[in-house]
Protein backbone atom coordinates (compact mmCIF):
# COMPACT_ATOMS: atom_id res chain seq x y z
CA MET A 1 127.85 115.75 -33.14
CA ILE A 2 131.21 117.18 -34.14
CA VAL A 3 129.71 120.61 -34.27
CA VAL A 4 128.10 120.16 -31.12
CA GLU A 5 131.46 119.44 -29.46
CA MET A 6 133.32 122.15 -31.27
CA LYS A 7 130.92 124.74 -30.26
CA LYS A 8 131.30 123.88 -26.61
CA HIS A 9 134.72 123.65 -26.61
CA PHE A 10 135.80 126.63 -28.76
CA GLN A 11 134.36 129.12 -26.58
CA GLU A 12 135.77 127.72 -23.51
CA ARG A 13 139.10 128.04 -25.26
CA ALA A 14 138.84 130.90 -27.86
CA ILE A 15 142.01 132.62 -26.27
CA GLU A 16 143.94 129.47 -26.60
CA TRP A 17 142.82 128.91 -30.23
CA TRP A 18 143.86 132.66 -31.11
CA SER A 19 147.12 132.24 -29.54
CA GLY A 20 148.22 129.18 -31.08
CA SER A 21 147.05 130.45 -34.87
CA MET A 22 148.81 133.73 -33.79
CA ALA A 23 152.18 131.81 -33.16
CA MET A 24 151.92 129.43 -36.00
CA LEU A 25 150.82 132.12 -38.51
CA TRP A 26 153.71 134.49 -37.09
CA GLY A 27 156.09 131.62 -37.57
CA ALA A 28 154.99 130.97 -41.06
CA TYR A 29 155.25 134.32 -42.19
CA VAL A 30 158.81 134.87 -40.57
CA LEU A 31 159.76 131.47 -42.52
CA LEU A 32 158.23 132.39 -45.90
CA HIS A 33 160.27 135.68 -45.98
CA PRO A 34 163.86 135.21 -45.31
CA GLY A 35 165.90 138.12 -44.85
CA MET A 36 163.24 140.24 -43.35
CA PHE A 37 164.58 140.34 -39.66
CA GLU A 38 167.88 142.28 -41.49
CA THR A 39 165.50 144.84 -43.51
CA ILE A 40 163.56 145.78 -40.76
CA PRO A 41 165.37 147.62 -37.93
CA SER A 42 162.76 146.92 -35.18
CA ALA A 43 163.69 143.03 -35.73
CA HIS A 44 167.62 143.62 -35.33
CA GLY A 45 167.29 142.86 -31.59
CA LEU A 46 165.79 139.45 -32.61
CA LEU A 47 168.72 138.51 -34.69
CA ARG A 48 171.16 139.11 -31.35
CA ILE A 49 169.07 136.30 -29.99
CA GLY A 50 168.76 133.95 -32.81
CA PRO A 51 168.91 133.37 -36.60
CA GLN A 52 165.36 134.09 -38.27
CA HIS A 53 164.67 130.76 -39.34
CA LEU A 54 164.89 129.49 -35.62
CA TRP A 55 162.40 132.26 -34.88
CA GLY A 56 160.11 131.31 -37.49
CA PHE A 57 160.45 127.60 -37.06
CA GLY A 58 159.94 127.56 -33.10
CA ALA A 59 156.87 129.78 -33.58
CA PHE A 60 155.28 127.57 -36.08
CA ILE A 61 155.87 124.35 -34.02
CA VAL A 62 154.46 125.86 -30.87
CA GLY A 63 151.27 127.21 -32.66
CA ALA A 64 150.90 124.09 -34.57
CA THR A 65 151.34 121.40 -31.53
CA ARG A 66 149.01 123.74 -29.51
CA LEU A 67 146.02 123.72 -32.47
CA VAL A 68 146.51 119.84 -32.66
CA ALA A 69 146.22 119.40 -28.95
CA LEU A 70 142.97 121.57 -28.96
CA THR A 71 141.57 119.81 -32.00
CA VAL A 72 142.23 116.53 -30.06
CA ASN A 73 140.95 117.86 -26.54
CA GLY A 74 137.55 118.89 -28.62
CA PHE A 75 136.95 115.61 -30.14
CA TRP A 76 138.83 112.79 -28.79
CA ARG A 77 140.31 113.04 -25.29
CA ARG A 78 141.45 115.86 -22.67
CA THR A 79 144.90 117.11 -23.42
CA PRO A 80 145.68 119.77 -20.66
CA LEU A 81 149.04 118.89 -19.93
CA ILE A 82 149.95 119.38 -23.48
CA ARG A 83 147.93 122.68 -23.66
CA LEU A 84 149.56 123.79 -20.65
CA THR A 85 153.18 123.01 -21.98
CA THR A 86 152.39 124.74 -25.53
CA SER A 87 150.93 127.73 -23.73
CA VAL A 88 153.84 127.83 -21.39
CA PHE A 89 156.06 127.93 -24.81
CA GLY A 90 154.11 130.55 -25.99
CA VAL A 91 154.63 132.68 -23.07
CA MET A 92 158.21 131.93 -23.54
CA LEU A 93 158.19 132.84 -27.37
CA TRP A 94 156.34 136.02 -26.81
CA PHE A 95 158.62 137.06 -23.95
CA TRP A 96 161.63 136.51 -26.21
CA VAL A 97 160.12 138.40 -29.27
CA SER A 98 159.29 141.13 -26.74
CA ALA A 99 162.75 141.32 -25.20
CA GLY A 100 164.43 141.29 -28.75
CA MET A 101 162.32 144.40 -29.88
CA VAL A 102 163.48 146.25 -26.63
CA MET A 103 167.13 144.99 -27.85
CA ALA A 104 166.62 146.86 -31.08
CA ASP A 105 167.16 149.92 -29.34
CA MET A 106 164.37 152.17 -30.96
CA ALA A 107 160.97 153.24 -29.77
CA GLN A 108 158.10 150.99 -31.47
CA MET A 109 154.57 150.15 -31.14
CA GLY A 110 154.92 146.58 -31.92
CA ILE A 111 156.11 145.72 -28.27
CA VAL A 112 152.64 146.38 -27.07
CA VAL A 113 150.92 143.86 -29.26
CA TYR A 114 153.73 141.30 -28.30
CA ILE A 115 153.26 141.78 -24.45
CA TRP A 116 149.37 141.42 -25.02
CA HIS A 117 150.03 137.98 -26.80
CA MET A 118 152.41 137.09 -23.69
CA SER A 119 149.34 138.07 -21.39
CA ALA A 120 147.03 136.01 -23.05
CA ASP A 121 149.23 132.77 -22.94
CA ILE A 122 150.00 133.63 -19.25
CA TYR A 123 146.17 133.20 -18.88
CA SER A 124 145.77 130.34 -20.87
CA SER A 125 148.70 128.68 -18.85
CA PHE A 126 146.46 129.01 -15.45
CA ARG A 127 143.46 127.75 -17.35
CA CYS A 128 145.42 124.66 -18.55
CA ALA A 129 147.01 124.39 -15.29
CA ILE A 130 143.43 124.00 -13.67
CA ASP A 131 142.31 121.52 -16.25
CA THR A 132 145.43 119.36 -15.56
CA TYR A 133 144.59 119.60 -12.26
CA GLU A 134 141.00 118.48 -12.45
CA VAL A 135 141.59 115.70 -15.06
CA GLU A 136 144.47 114.27 -12.47
CA ALA A 137 141.93 114.59 -9.72
CA GLN A 138 139.32 112.52 -11.57
CA ARG A 139 141.94 109.93 -12.39
CA ARG A 140 142.85 109.40 -8.95
CA LEU A 141 138.95 109.33 -7.87
CA ARG A 142 138.73 106.87 -10.43
CA ILE A 143 141.70 104.58 -9.33
CA LEU A 144 140.34 105.01 -5.71
CA ALA A 145 136.74 103.89 -6.70
CA ALA A 146 138.29 100.76 -8.32
CA GLU A 147 140.61 99.79 -5.47
CA HIS A 148 137.46 99.97 -3.02
CA GLY A 149 135.09 98.05 -5.63
CA LEU A 150 132.97 100.93 -6.38
CA SER A 151 131.67 101.20 -10.11
CA ALA A 152 132.52 104.27 -12.36
CA GLY A 153 129.04 105.69 -11.60
CA GLU A 154 129.42 105.29 -7.85
CA LYS A 155 130.92 107.97 -5.97
CA SER A 156 131.06 106.82 -2.40
CA ASN A 157 130.33 104.20 0.05
CA VAL A 158 127.02 105.71 0.79
CA HIS A 159 125.42 104.75 -2.45
CA ARG A 160 126.98 101.20 -1.87
CA ILE A 161 125.34 100.84 1.23
CA SER A 162 122.22 102.19 0.44
CA ARG A 163 121.47 99.11 -2.04
């Protein structure tokens, strides 16, 4: 049962899994290599924005939170609002990494990769926003149905009248 649920949700959320994994792994790598930003000229712009450990910790937390939300979403309950929040944080993370690369005042190929990460998170944000809207609409329908004495399976008064 768990494998079936995972297969169903993983395919729909593959970009979110990829983006969350990338943010967490990027953050872990940055944390595990202190002083790296000082030795890599293309990362000097990142230091203008914030210290290396802050970059690593922020990316790791965003990625890990996102992966936990995706796991919970697939197995226990829907978490579109948490997924939406972490994808927006992912957009901000990759935007600022890209901005830091531009601030390094040197041509580099890495900027293309980080802009792609940002684009993937923008797409994920839209998908999560749609999921959030759907979950809220379903919640409101359940409340409305309860207020009008309909059971969870009944969707309208037509079903109730036909009994």
